[in-house]
Amino acid sequence: MKAIVVSAPGDPDQLTLTDVPDPLPGNDEILVSVIAAGLNFIDTYHRSGLYPMEMPFTPGLEGAGTVLAVGPGVTQYQPGDAVCWTWAIGSYAEKVVIPADQAIPLPEDVAPTVAAALLLQGITAHYLATDTFPLKEDDRCLIHAGAGGVGLLLTQIAKMAGAEVFTTVGSKEKAELSTGAGADHVILYNETDFKEEVEEIAGPGAIDVVYDGVGAATFLKGLDLLRARGMLVTFGNASGPPPEISPLILAGKGSLFLTRPTMAHYTATRQELLSRTTDLFDWVSEGRLDVRIGAEFALADAAEAHRALEGRSTTGKVLIRP
């Protein structure tokens, strides 16, 4: 079969289309034919070496497809079942083996491409808005990268909760997308200082929570926007890792809370994983959550997909199609 293989950490050119042996499912595993794999920033961290990986490896954590075979001990799935997944390394391939307990049954009314575009970023948005900082009516939140995959979904979920949503985006096109997702105030960070703009609208120290997937470029100013005992949630490093800070800085700025959540701790049990995905699929089916697929790339063009994501030229979700 064809798969993308990374043999050494580095730039997108390390993503090489390679012929590899077909994988076989082991105990409690299933073999899946991949219809679509989702592209996420964590894939670029794995490729670059920011998050070290054992080499060589095939990147990609999320996708959707059809079960081809099941390994010993698997009783809940059979060949032909439609499934999706969020945490199975090796998804940039024609076939992938995933643990059966990580596979999620795909509802008939949700297309595989929608599931591949929704799950990892949708679950992230779900736990950020419902658990990390549970948004409620009239809370004010700032979402960086408001036109990205997480940003568009998080904005919609925040509006369901009744929050007032501020977003930052990099272009007028992205501003239109963020507004379309329900953002109340959209700030073009290339044209204005987002901290000054937020303060002009809301006043100083008026934001309850900042959801920051950008990192280095936005982190410190985000702290300055929070109310006393507000929270900064740093969940990504699109511009590089945020700087290290002393806990005394949090005290001096108003006894702030700072957290760095990861999906593993918010889907610690299968019940929690399925609870979050059930909410997401229900919202999609009800028309309450729109999943934007911004671009699709062939498996052979995975390097171009990474360049587009890292160059911030994408909106919504990017898919890789074997």
C-alpha atoms as a PDB file:
ATOM      1  CA  MET A   1       0.000   0.000   0.000  1.00  0.00           C
ATOM      2  CA  LYS A   2       0.945   3.671  -0.248  1.00  0.00           C
ATOM      3  CA  ALA A   3       1.787   5.656   2.872  1.00  0.00           C
ATOM      4  CA  ILE A   4       3.591   8.844   3.834  1.00  0.00           C
ATOM      5  CA  VAL A   5       6.804   8.065   5.715  1.00  0.00           C
ATOM      6  CA  VAL A   6       9.011  10.447   7.721  1.00  0.00           C
ATOM      7  CA  SER A   7      12.533   9.115   8.171  1.00  0.00           C
ATOM      8  CA  ALA A   8      14.090  12.127   9.920  1.00  0.00           C
ATOM      9  CA  PRO A   9      12.654  15.237  11.583  1.00  0.00           C
ATOM     10  CA  GLY A  10      12.589  18.356   9.445  1.00  0.00           C
ATOM     11  CA  ASP A  11      10.599  20.447   6.988  1.00  0.00           C
ATOM     12  CA  PRO A  12       7.653  19.241   4.867  1.00  0.00           C
ATOM     13  CA  ASP A  13      10.016  17.685   2.321  1.00  0.00           C
ATOM     14  CA  GLN A  14      10.498  14.881   4.843  1.00  0.00           C
ATOM     15  CA  LEU A  15       6.984  13.657   3.984  1.00  0.00           C
ATOM     16  CA  THR A  16       7.709  10.945   1.410  1.00  0.00           C
ATOM     17  CA  LEU A  17       5.139   8.815  -0.405  1.00  0.00           C
ATOM     18  CA  THR A  18       6.366   5.250  -0.014  1.00  0.00           C
ATOM     19  CA  ASP A  19       5.282   1.697  -0.778  1.00  0.00           C
ATOM     20  CA  VAL A  20       5.010  -0.197   2.509  1.00  0.00           C
ATOM     21  CA  PRO A  21       3.632  -3.619   3.462  1.00  0.00           C
ATOM     22  CA  ASP A  22      -0.062  -3.839   4.261  1.00  0.00           C
ATOM     23  CA  PRO A  23      -0.534  -3.761   8.047  1.00  0.00           C
ATOM     24  CA  LEU A  24      -2.288  -6.564   9.887  1.00  0.00           C
ATOM     25  CA  PRO A  25      -4.557  -6.065  12.894  1.00  0.00           C
ATOM     26  CA  GLY A  26      -3.366  -7.590  16.149  1.00  0.00           C
ATOM     27  CA  ASN A  27      -5.286  -8.352  19.299  1.00  0.00           C
ATOM     28  CA  ASP A  28      -8.102  -5.862  19.899  1.00  0.00           C
ATOM     29  CA  GLU A  29      -7.252  -3.953  16.710  1.00  0.00           C
ATOM     30  CA  ILE A  30      -9.027  -3.297  13.423  1.00  0.00           C
ATOM     31  CA  LEU A  31      -7.697  -2.680   9.919  1.00  0.00           C
ATOM     32  CA  VAL A  32      -9.363   0.223   8.154  1.00  0.00           C
ATOM     33  CA  SER A  33      -9.345   1.491   4.577  1.00  0.00           C
ATOM     34  CA  VAL A  34      -8.792   5.238   4.937  1.00  0.00           C
ATOM     35  CA  ILE A  35     -11.269   7.462   3.092  1.00  0.00           C
ATOM     36  CA  ALA A  36      -9.893  10.711   4.508  1.00  0.00           C
ATOM     37  CA  ALA A  37      -7.291  11.731   7.076  1.00  0.00           C
ATOM     38  CA  GLY A  38      -7.474  15.000   8.953  1.00  0.00           C
ATOM     39  CA  LEU A  39      -4.516  17.391   9.004  1.00  0.00           C
ATOM     40  CA  ASN A  40      -3.714  18.935  12.374  1.00  0.00           C
ATOM     41  CA  PHE A  41      -0.946  21.150  13.714  1.00  0.00           C
ATOM     42  CA  ILE A  42       0.226  18.296  15.921  1.00  0.00           C
ATOM     43  CA  ASP A  43       1.148  16.462  12.691  1.00  0.00           C
ATOM     44  CA  THR A  44       3.601  19.253  11.893  1.00  0.00           C
ATOM     45  CA  TYR A  45       5.043  19.039  15.423  1.00  0.00           C
ATOM     46  CA  HIS A  46       5.608  15.304  14.951  1.00  0.00           C
ATOM     47  CA  ARG A  47       7.221  15.879  11.546  1.00  0.00           C
ATOM     48  CA  SER A  48       9.479  18.725  12.683  1.00  0.00           C
ATOM     49  CA  GLY A  49      10.647  17.038  15.855  1.00  0.00           C
ATOM     50  CA  LEU A  50       9.020  19.535  18.242  1.00  0.00           C
ATOM     51  CA  TYR A  51       7.209  16.478  19.595  1.00  0.00           C
ATOM     52  CA  PRO A  52       9.851  13.737  19.189  1.00  0.00           C
ATOM     53  CA  MET A  53       8.817  10.547  17.407  1.00  0.00           C
ATOM     54  CA  GLU A  54      10.545   7.231  16.877  1.00  0.00           C
ATOM     55  CA  MET A  55      11.752   7.191  13.267  1.00  0.00           C
ATOM     56  CA  PRO A  56      10.667   6.209  10.704  1.00  0.00           C
ATOM     57  CA  PHE A  57       6.939   6.740  11.151  1.00  0.00           C
ATOM     58  CA  THR A  58       3.762   7.545   9.243  1.00  0.00           C
ATOM     59  CA  PRO A  59       2.061  10.692  10.548  1.00  0.00           C
ATOM     60  CA  GLY A  60      -1.600  11.453  10.964  1.00  0.00           C
ATOM     61  CA  LEU A  61      -3.785  10.832  13.998  1.00  0.00           C
ATOM     62  CA  GLU A  62      -7.335  11.175  12.746  1.00  0.00           C
ATOM     63  CA  GLY A  63      -9.490   9.948   9.939  1.00  0.00           C
ATOM     64  CA  ALA A  64     -12.521   8.032   8.756  1.00  0.00           C
ATOM     65  CA  GLY A  65     -12.966   4.915   6.682  1.00  0.00           C
ATOM     66  CA  THR A  66     -14.308   1.387   6.377  1.00  0.00           C
ATOM     67  CA  VAL A  67     -13.318  -1.653   8.404  1.00  0.00           C
ATOM     68  CA  LEU A  68     -11.467  -4.229   6.275  1.00  0.00           C
ATOM     69  CA  ALA A  69     -10.599  -6.811   8.929  1.00  0.00           C
ATOM     70  CA  VAL A  70     -10.697  -7.287  12.688  1.00  0.00           C
ATOM     71  CA  GLY A  71      -8.102  -8.832  14.950  1.00  0.00           C
ATOM     72  CA  PRO A  72      -8.560 -11.408  17.701  1.00  0.00           C
ATOM     73  CA  GLY A  73     -10.770 -10.224  20.540  1.00  0.00           C
ATOM     74  CA  VAL A  74     -12.723  -7.647  18.511  1.00  0.00           C
ATOM     75  CA  THR A  75     -16.471  -8.220  18.711  1.00  0.00           C
ATOM     76  CA  GLN A  76     -17.942  -4.731  18.334  1.00  0.00           C
ATOM     77  CA  TYR A  77     -16.895  -4.224  14.697  1.00  0.00           C
ATOM     78  CA  GLN A  78     -16.965  -6.261  11.523  1.00  0.00           C
ATOM     79  CA  PRO A  79     -15.784  -5.729   7.937  1.00  0.00           C
ATOM     80  CA  GLY A  80     -17.839  -3.096   6.171  1.00  0.00           C
ATOM     81  CA  ASP A  81     -18.533  -0.964   9.243  1.00  0.00           C
ATOM     82  CA  ALA A  82     -17.979   2.779   8.888  1.00  0.00           C
ATOM     83  CA  VAL A  83     -15.747   4.175  11.620  1.00  0.00           C
ATOM     84  CA  CYS A  84     -13.717   7.249  12.499  1.00  0.00           C
ATOM     85  CA  TRP A  85     -10.907   7.889  14.949  1.00  0.00           C
ATOM     86  CA  THR A  86      -8.917  10.661  16.591  1.00  0.00           C
ATOM     87  CA  TRP A  87      -5.742   9.178  18.003  1.00  0.00           C
ATOM     88  CA  ALA A  88      -4.246   6.489  15.747  1.00  0.00           C
ATOM     89  CA  ILE A  89      -0.793   7.332  14.443  1.00  0.00           C
ATOM     90  CA  GLY A  90      -0.285   6.299  10.822  1.00  0.00           C
ATOM     91  CA  SER A  91      -3.411   7.766   9.246  1.00  0.00           C
ATOM     92  CA  TYR A  92      -1.590   9.293   6.241  1.00  0.00           C
ATOM     93  CA  ALA A  93      -1.939   5.987   4.414  1.00  0.00           C
ATOM     94  CA  GLU A  94      -4.285   3.900   2.326  1.00  0.00           C
ATOM     95  CA  LYS A  95      -4.812   1.569   5.292  1.00  0.00           C
ATOM     96  CA  VAL A  96      -4.248   1.925   9.008  1.00  0.00           C
ATOM     97  CA  VAL A  97      -4.494  -0.320  12.049  1.00  0.00           C
ATOM     98  CA  ILE A  98      -6.202   1.282  15.027  1.00  0.00           C
ATOM     99  CA  PRO A  99      -7.118   0.017  18.496  1.00  0.00           C
ATOM    100  CA  ALA A 100     -10.753  -1.043  18.491  1.00  0.00           C
ATOM    101  CA  ASP A 101     -11.447   0.991  21.628  1.00  0.00           C
ATOM    102  CA  GLN A 102     -10.278   4.143  19.798  1.00  0.00           C
ATOM    103  CA  ALA A 103     -12.657   3.588  16.874  1.00  0.00           C
ATOM    104  CA  ILE A 104     -15.917   5.521  16.893  1.00  0.00           C
ATOM    105  CA  PRO A 105     -18.986   4.246  15.017  1.00  0.00           C
ATOM    106  CA  LEU A 106     -19.876   6.672  12.237  1.00  0.00           C
ATOM    107  CA  PRO A 107     -23.563   7.643  12.122  1.00  0.00           C
ATOM    108  CA  GLU A 108     -25.264   7.049   8.778  1.00  0.00           C
ATOM    109  CA  ASP A 109     -26.176  10.717   8.394  1.00  0.00           C
ATOM    110  CA  VAL A 110     -22.585  11.980   8.833  1.00  0.00           C
ATOM    111  CA  ALA A 111     -20.299  11.694   5.792  1.00  0.00           C
ATOM    112  CA  PRO A 112     -16.827  10.186   6.340  1.00  0.00           C
ATOM    113  CA  THR A 113     -15.172  13.381   5.104  1.00  0.00           C
ATOM    114  CA  VAL A 114     -17.177  15.430   7.630  1.00  0.00           C
ATOM    115  CA  ALA A 115     -16.167  13.068  10.434  1.00  0.00           C
ATOM    116  CA  ALA A 116     -12.504  13.265   9.423  1.00  0.00           C
ATOM    117  CA  ALA A 117     -12.783  17.053   9.402  1.00  0.00           C
ATOM    118  CA  LEU A 118     -14.578  17.230  12.727  1.00  0.00           C
ATOM    119  CA  LEU A 119     -13.257  14.832  15.291  1.00  0.00           C
ATOM    120  CA  LEU A 120      -9.885  15.939  16.636  1.00  0.00           C
ATOM    121  CA  GLN A 121     -10.547  19.657  16.371  1.00  0.00           C
ATOM    122  CA  GLY A 122     -14.189  19.238  17.357  1.00  0.00           C
ATOM    123  CA  ILE A 123     -13.352  17.268  20.486  1.00  0.00           C
ATOM    124  CA  THR A 124     -10.742  19.919  21.311  1.00  0.00           C
ATOM    125  CA  ALA A 125     -13.310  22.693  20.931  1.00  0.00           C
ATOM    126  CA  HIS A 126     -15.820  20.672  22.944  1.00  0.00           C
ATOM    127  CA  TYR A 127     -13.625  20.136  25.995  1.00  0.00           C
ATOM    128  CA  LEU A 128     -12.234  23.676  25.882  1.00  0.00           C
ATOM    129  CA  ALA A 129     -15.717  25.205  26.047  1.00  0.00           C
ATOM    130  CA  THR A 130     -17.440  22.655  28.294  1.00  0.00           C
ATOM    131  CA  ASP A 131     -14.742  21.541  30.742  1.00  0.00           C
ATOM    132  CA  THR A 132     -11.450  23.451  30.641  1.00  0.00           C
ATOM    133  CA  PHE A 133     -13.332  26.733  31.073  1.00  0.00           C
ATOM    134  CA  PRO A 134     -17.068  25.923  31.036  1.00  0.00           C
ATOM    135  CA  LEU A 135     -18.589  28.847  29.181  1.00  0.00           C
ATOM    136  CA  LYS A 136     -21.911  30.240  30.331  1.00  0.00           C
ATOM    137  CA  GLU A 137     -24.301  33.016  29.377  1.00  0.00           C
ATOM    138  CA  ASP A 138     -22.581  36.407  28.925  1.00  0.00           C
ATOM    139  CA  ASP A 139     -19.041  35.147  29.480  1.00  0.00           C
ATOM    140  CA  ARG A 140     -16.519  36.927  27.283  1.00  0.00           C
ATOM    141  CA  CYS A 141     -13.977  34.770  25.495  1.00  0.00           C
ATOM    142  CA  LEU A 142     -11.165  35.539  23.073  1.00  0.00           C
ATOM    143  CA  ILE A 143     -10.390  32.867  20.483  1.00  0.00           C
ATOM    144  CA  HIS A 144      -7.170  33.230  18.506  1.00  0.00           C
ATOM    145  CA  ALA A 145      -7.042  31.866  14.939  1.00  0.00           C
ATOM    146  CA  GLY A 146     -10.794  32.262  14.725  1.00  0.00           C
ATOM    147  CA  ALA A 147     -10.993  31.026  11.121  1.00  0.00           C
ATOM    148  CA  GLY A 148      -8.984  27.869  11.734  1.00  0.00           C
ATOM    149  CA  GLY A 149     -10.452  24.436  12.268  1.00  0.00           C
ATOM    150  CA  VAL A 150     -10.664  24.666  16.058  1.00  0.00           C
ATOM    151  CA  GLY A 151     -11.518  28.358  15.961  1.00  0.00           C
ATOM    152  CA  LEU A 152     -14.613  28.011  13.777  1.00  0.00           C
ATOM    153  CA  LEU A 153     -15.949  25.085  15.807  1.00  0.00           C
ATOM    154  CA  LEU A 154     -15.107  26.658  19.170  1.00  0.00           C
ATOM    155  CA  THR A 155     -16.843  29.883  18.149  1.00  0.00           C
ATOM    156  CA  GLN A 156     -20.041  28.009  17.320  1.00  0.00           C
ATOM    157  CA  ILE A 157     -19.975  26.031  20.568  1.00  0.00           C
ATOM    158  CA  ALA A 158     -19.274  29.206  22.557  1.00  0.00           C
ATOM    159  CA  LYS A 159     -22.294  30.889  20.971  1.00  0.00           C
ATOM    160  CA  MET A 160     -24.465  27.867  21.866  1.00  0.00           C
ATOM    161  CA  ALA A 161     -23.460  28.543  25.477  1.00  0.00           C
ATOM    162  CA  GLY A 162     -24.437  32.223  25.183  1.00  0.00           C
ATOM    163  CA  ALA A 163     -20.936  33.682  25.380  1.00  0.00           C
ATOM    164  CA  GLU A 164     -19.730  36.917  23.782  1.00  0.00           C
ATOM    165  CA  VAL A 165     -17.002  35.901  21.353  1.00  0.00           C
ATOM    166  CA  PHE A 166     -13.936  37.879  20.279  1.00  0.00           C
ATOM    167  CA  THR A 167     -11.693  36.338  17.612  1.00  0.00           C
ATOM    168  CA  THR A 168      -8.447  37.242  15.888  1.00  0.00           C
ATOM    169  CA  VAL A 169      -7.852  36.416  12.221  1.00  0.00           C
ATOM    170  CA  GLY A 170      -5.257  37.232   9.575  1.00  0.00           C
ATOM    171  CA  SER A 171      -7.288  38.414   6.570  1.00  0.00           C
ATOM    172  CA  LYS A 172     -10.625  39.884   5.511  1.00  0.00           C
ATOM    173  CA  GLU A 173     -11.620  36.540   3.996  1.00  0.00           C
ATOM    174  CA  LYS A 174     -10.972  34.854   7.320  1.00  0.00           C
ATOM    175  CA  ALA A 175     -12.851  37.634   9.098  1.00  0.00           C
ATOM    176  CA  GLU A 176     -15.936  36.826   7.018  1.00  0.00           C
ATOM    177  CA  LEU A 177     -15.670  33.153   7.956  1.00  0.00           C
ATOM    178  CA  SER A 178     -15.300  33.968  11.642  1.00  0.00           C
ATOM    179  CA  THR A 179     -18.278  36.314  11.532  1.00  0.00           C
ATOM    180  CA  GLY A 180     -20.264  33.625   9.733  1.00  0.00           C
ATOM    181  CA  ALA A 181     -19.503  31.210  12.563  1.00  0.00           C
ATOM    182  CA  GLY A 182     -21.082  33.669  15.008  1.00  0.00           C
ATOM    183  CA  ALA A 183     -18.180  35.735  16.362  1.00  0.00           C
ATOM    184  CA  ASP A 184     -19.370  39.031  17.831  1.00  0.00           C
ATOM    185  CA  HIS A 185     -16.099  40.909  17.371  1.00  0.00           C
ATOM    186  CA  VAL A 186     -13.491  39.928  14.772  1.00  0.00           C
ATOM    187  CA  ILE A 187     -10.055  41.552  14.898  1.00  0.00           C
ATOM    188  CA  LEU A 188      -7.578  41.594  12.016  1.00  0.00           C
ATOM    189  CA  TYR A 189      -4.330  41.130  13.899  1.00  0.00           C
ATOM    190  CA  ASN A 190      -2.250  42.208  10.882  1.00  0.00           C
ATOM    191  CA  GLU A 191      -3.936  45.619  10.825  1.00  0.00           C
ATOM    192  CA  THR A 192      -4.335  46.424  14.503  1.00  0.00           C
ATOM    193  CA  ASP A 193      -3.021  45.493  17.935  1.00  0.00           C
ATOM    194  CA  PHE A 194      -5.512  42.890  19.121  1.00  0.00           C
ATOM    195  CA  LYS A 195      -5.012  43.794  22.793  1.00  0.00           C
ATOM    196  CA  GLU A 196      -5.792  47.458  22.153  1.00  0.00           C
ATOM    197  CA  GLU A 197      -8.793  46.532  19.994  1.00  0.00           C
ATOM    198  CA  VAL A 198     -10.279  44.212  22.603  1.00  0.00           C
ATOM    199  CA  GLU A 199      -9.801  46.807  25.325  1.00  0.00           C
ATOM    200  CA  GLU A 200     -11.421  49.485  23.169  1.00  0.00           C
ATOM    201  CA  ILE A 201     -14.508  47.297  22.788  1.00  0.00           C
ATOM    202  CA  ALA A 202     -14.742  45.669  26.209  1.00  0.00           C
ATOM    203  CA  GLY A 203     -12.535  47.753  28.470  1.00  0.00           C
ATOM    204  CA  PRO A 204      -9.411  46.667  30.354  1.00  0.00           C
ATOM    205  CA  GLY A 205      -9.397  43.354  32.177  1.00  0.00           C
ATOM    206  CA  ALA A 206     -12.756  42.303  30.740  1.00  0.00           C
ATOM    207  CA  ILE A 207     -12.110  38.868  29.211  1.00  0.00           C
ATOM    208  CA  ASP A 208     -13.051  35.764  31.189  1.00  0.00           C
ATOM    209  CA  VAL A 209     -11.014  33.291  29.149  1.00  0.00           C
ATOM    210  CA  VAL A 210      -8.505  33.387  26.303  1.00  0.00           C
ATOM    211  CA  TYR A 211      -8.304  30.268  24.130  1.00  0.00           C
ATOM    212  CA  ASP A 212      -4.858  30.446  22.559  1.00  0.00           C
ATOM    213  CA  GLY A 213      -3.743  27.935  19.948  1.00  0.00           C
ATOM    214  CA  VAL A 214      -1.180  30.346  18.466  1.00  0.00           C
ATOM    215  CA  GLY A 215       1.411  30.416  21.247  1.00  0.00           C
ATOM    216  CA  ALA A 216       4.457  32.685  21.242  1.00  0.00           C
ATOM    217  CA  ALA A 217       2.981  35.603  19.278  1.00  0.00           C
ATOM    218  CA  THR A 218      -0.136  36.045  21.410  1.00  0.00           C
ATOM    219  CA  PHE A 219       0.524  34.526  24.820  1.00  0.00           C
ATOM    220  CA  LEU A 220       1.699  37.498  26.924  1.00  0.00           C
ATOM    221  CA  LYS A 221      -0.833  39.987  25.559  1.00  0.00           C
ATOM    222  CA  GLY A 222      -3.547  37.450  26.254  1.00  0.00           C
ATOM    223  CA  LEU A 223      -2.656  37.470  29.946  1.00  0.00           C
ATOM    224  CA  ASP A 224      -3.068  41.244  30.003  1.00  0.00           C
ATOM    225  CA  LEU A 225      -6.664  41.043  28.752  1.00  0.00           C
ATOM    226  CA  LEU A 226      -8.003  38.778  31.487  1.00  0.00           C
ATOM    227  CA  ARG A 227     -10.177  39.810  34.394  1.00  0.00           C
ATOM    228  CA  ALA A 228      -9.035  38.965  37.914  1.00  0.00           C
ATOM    229  CA  ARG A 229      -9.082  35.172  38.292  1.00  0.00           C
ATOM    230  CA  GLY A 230      -9.569  34.781  34.548  1.00  0.00           C
ATOM    231  CA  MET A 231      -8.026  31.887  32.652  1.00  0.00           C
ATOM    232  CA  LEU A 232      -5.615  31.605  29.749  1.00  0.00           C
ATOM    233  CA  VAL A 233      -5.893  28.266  27.967  1.00  0.00           C
ATOM    234  CA  THR A 234      -2.848  27.596  25.812  1.00  0.00           C
ATOM    235  CA  PHE A 235      -3.511  24.577  23.599  1.00  0.00           C
ATOM    236  CA  GLY A 236      -1.267  25.023  20.552  1.00  0.00           C
ATOM    237  CA  ASN A 237       2.006  26.430  19.211  1.00  0.00           C
ATOM    238  CA  ALA A 238       1.205  27.670  15.699  1.00  0.00           C
ATOM    239  CA  SER A 239       3.681  30.567  16.072  1.00  0.00           C
ATOM    240  CA  GLY A 240       6.061  28.649  18.316  1.00  0.00           C
ATOM    241  CA  PRO A 241       5.894  27.543  21.959  1.00  0.00           C
ATOM    242  CA  PRO A 242       4.824  30.248  24.435  1.00  0.00           C
ATOM    243  CA  PRO A 243       7.524  31.713  26.684  1.00  0.00           C
ATOM    244  CA  GLU A 244       8.204  30.345  30.117  1.00  0.00           C
ATOM    245  CA  ILE A 245       6.865  32.583  32.889  1.00  0.00           C
ATOM    246  CA  SER A 246       7.114  32.788  36.653  1.00  0.00           C
ATOM    247  CA  PRO A 247       3.953  31.968  38.629  1.00  0.00           C
ATOM    248  CA  LEU A 248       4.388  35.372  40.281  1.00  0.00           C
ATOM    249  CA  ILE A 249       3.374  36.984  36.981  1.00  0.00           C
ATOM    250  CA  LEU A 250      -0.021  35.309  37.298  1.00  0.00           C
ATOM    251  CA  ALA A 251      -0.394  36.706  40.803  1.00  0.00           C
ATOM    252  CA  GLY A 252       0.562  40.215  39.731  1.00  0.00           C
ATOM    253  CA  LYS A 253      -1.935  40.248  36.874  1.00  0.00           C
ATOM    254  CA  GLY A 254      -4.900  39.252  39.015  1.00  0.00           C
ATOM    255  CA  SER A 255      -4.474  35.730  40.433  1.00  0.00           C
ATOM    256  CA  LEU A 256      -4.879  34.317  36.935  1.00  0.00           C
ATOM    257  CA  PHE A 257      -5.258  30.682  35.973  1.00  0.00           C
ATOM    258  CA  LEU A 258      -3.040  29.180  33.272  1.00  0.00           C
ATOM    259  CA  THR A 259      -3.583  25.721  31.849  1.00  0.00           C
ATOM    260  CA  ARG A 260      -2.186  23.632  29.024  1.00  0.00           C
ATOM    261  CA  PRO A 261      -4.791  20.904  28.298  1.00  0.00           C
ATOM    262  CA  THR A 262      -4.338  17.911  26.028  1.00  0.00           C
ATOM    263  CA  MET A 263      -6.999  15.692  24.494  1.00  0.00           C
ATOM    264  CA  ALA A 264      -5.787  12.513  26.207  1.00  0.00           C
ATOM    265  CA  HIS A 265      -6.774  13.883  29.598  1.00  0.00           C
ATOM    266  CA  TYR A 266     -10.227  14.931  28.366  1.00  0.00           C
ATOM    267  CA  THR A 267     -10.990  11.592  26.686  1.00  0.00           C
ATOM    268  CA  ALA A 268      -9.496   9.479  29.432  1.00  0.00           C
ATOM    269  CA  THR A 269     -12.240   6.863  29.202  1.00  0.00           C
ATOM    270  CA  ARG A 270     -14.155   5.468  26.253  1.00  0.00           C
ATOM    271  CA  GLN A 271     -17.349   6.765  27.822  1.00  0.00           C
ATOM    272  CA  GLU A 272     -15.967  10.313  27.838  1.00  0.00           C
ATOM    273  CA  LEU A 273     -14.748   9.985  24.231  1.00  0.00           C
ATOM    274  CA  LEU A 274     -18.157   8.774  23.025  1.00  0.00           C
ATOM    275  CA  SER A 275     -20.003  11.407  25.051  1.00  0.00           C
ATOM    276  CA  ARG A 276     -18.094  14.193  23.314  1.00  0.00           C
ATOM    277  CA  THR A 277     -18.428  12.684  19.833  1.00  0.00           C
ATOM    278  CA  THR A 278     -22.147  12.057  20.380  1.00  0.00           C
ATOM    279  CA  ASP A 279     -22.640  15.756  21.137  1.00  0.00           C
ATOM    280  CA  LEU A 280     -20.674  16.732  18.040  1.00  0.00           C
ATOM    281  CA  PHE A 281     -22.494  14.349  15.701  1.00  0.00           C
ATOM    282  CA  ASP A 282     -25.868  15.413  17.125  1.00  0.00           C
ATOM    283  CA  TRP A 283     -25.058  19.090  16.572  1.00  0.00           C
ATOM    284  CA  VAL A 284     -24.012  18.378  12.990  1.00  0.00           C
ATOM    285  CA  SER A 285     -27.162  16.355  12.318  1.00  0.00           C
ATOM    286  CA  GLU A 286     -29.331  19.114  13.813  1.00  0.00           C
ATOM    287  CA  GLY A 287     -27.636  21.789  11.705  1.00  0.00           C
ATOM    288  CA  ARG A 288     -26.278  23.585  14.770  1.00  0.00           C
ATOM    289  CA  LEU A 289     -22.615  22.928  13.989  1.00  0.00           C
ATOM    290  CA  ASP A 290     -21.187  23.638  10.553  1.00  0.00           C
ATOM    291  CA  VAL A 291     -17.985  21.815   9.618  1.00  0.00           C
ATOM    292  CA  ARG A 292     -15.966  23.725   7.032  1.00  0.00           C
ATOM    293  CA  ILE A 293     -13.632  21.693   4.841  1.00  0.00           C
ATOM    294  CA  GLY A 294     -11.271  24.327   3.525  1.00  0.00           C
ATOM    295  CA  ALA A 295      -9.092  22.165   1.267  1.00  0.00           C
ATOM    296  CA  GLU A 296      -8.357  18.583   0.254  1.00  0.00           C
ATOM    297  CA  PHE A 297      -4.945  17.253  -0.799  1.00  0.00           C
ATOM    298  CA  ALA A 298      -4.005  13.937  -2.355  1.00  0.00           C
ATOM    299  CA  LEU A 299      -1.817  11.679  -0.230  1.00  0.00           C
ATOM    300  CA  ALA A 300       1.118  12.363  -2.575  1.00  0.00           C
ATOM    301  CA  ASP A 301       0.734  16.097  -1.847  1.00  0.00           C
ATOM    302  CA  ALA A 302       0.960  15.842   1.944  1.00  0.00           C
ATOM    303  CA  ALA A 303       4.014  18.130   1.957  1.00  0.00           C
ATOM    304  CA  GLU A 304       2.009  20.857   0.205  1.00  0.00           C
ATOM    305  CA  ALA A 305      -0.753  20.426   2.763  1.00  0.00           C
ATOM    306  CA  HIS A 306       1.734  20.967   5.607  1.00  0.00           C
ATOM    307  CA  ARG A 307       3.157  24.046   3.900  1.00  0.00           C
ATOM    308  CA  ALA A 308      -0.320  25.507   3.483  1.00  0.00           C
ATOM    309  CA  LEU A 309      -1.212  24.903   7.131  1.00  0.00           C
ATOM    310  CA  GLU A 310       2.053  26.273   8.504  1.00  0.00           C
ATOM    311  CA  GLY A 311       1.849  29.257   6.144  1.00  0.00           C
ATOM    312  CA  ARG A 312      -1.580  30.111   7.570  1.00  0.00           C
ATOM    313  CA  SER A 313      -3.113  30.081   4.110  1.00  0.00           C
ATOM    314  CA  THR A 314      -5.823  27.590   5.099  1.00  0.00           C
ATOM    315  CA  THR A 315      -9.268  28.060   6.594  1.00  0.00           C
ATOM    316  CA  GLY A 316     -11.383  25.470   8.342  1.00  0.00           C
ATOM    317  CA  LYS A 317     -10.205  21.896   8.064  1.00  0.00           C
ATOM    318  CA  VAL A 318      -7.679  20.411   5.653  1.00  0.00           C
ATOM    319  CA  LEU A 319      -8.096  16.785   4.580  1.00  0.00           C
ATOM    320  CA  ILE A 320      -5.621  14.368   3.047  1.00  0.00           C
ATOM    321  CA  ARG A 321      -7.254  11.837   0.708  1.00  0.00           C
ATOM    322  CA  PRO A 322      -5.513   8.531  -0.116  1.00  0.00           C
END
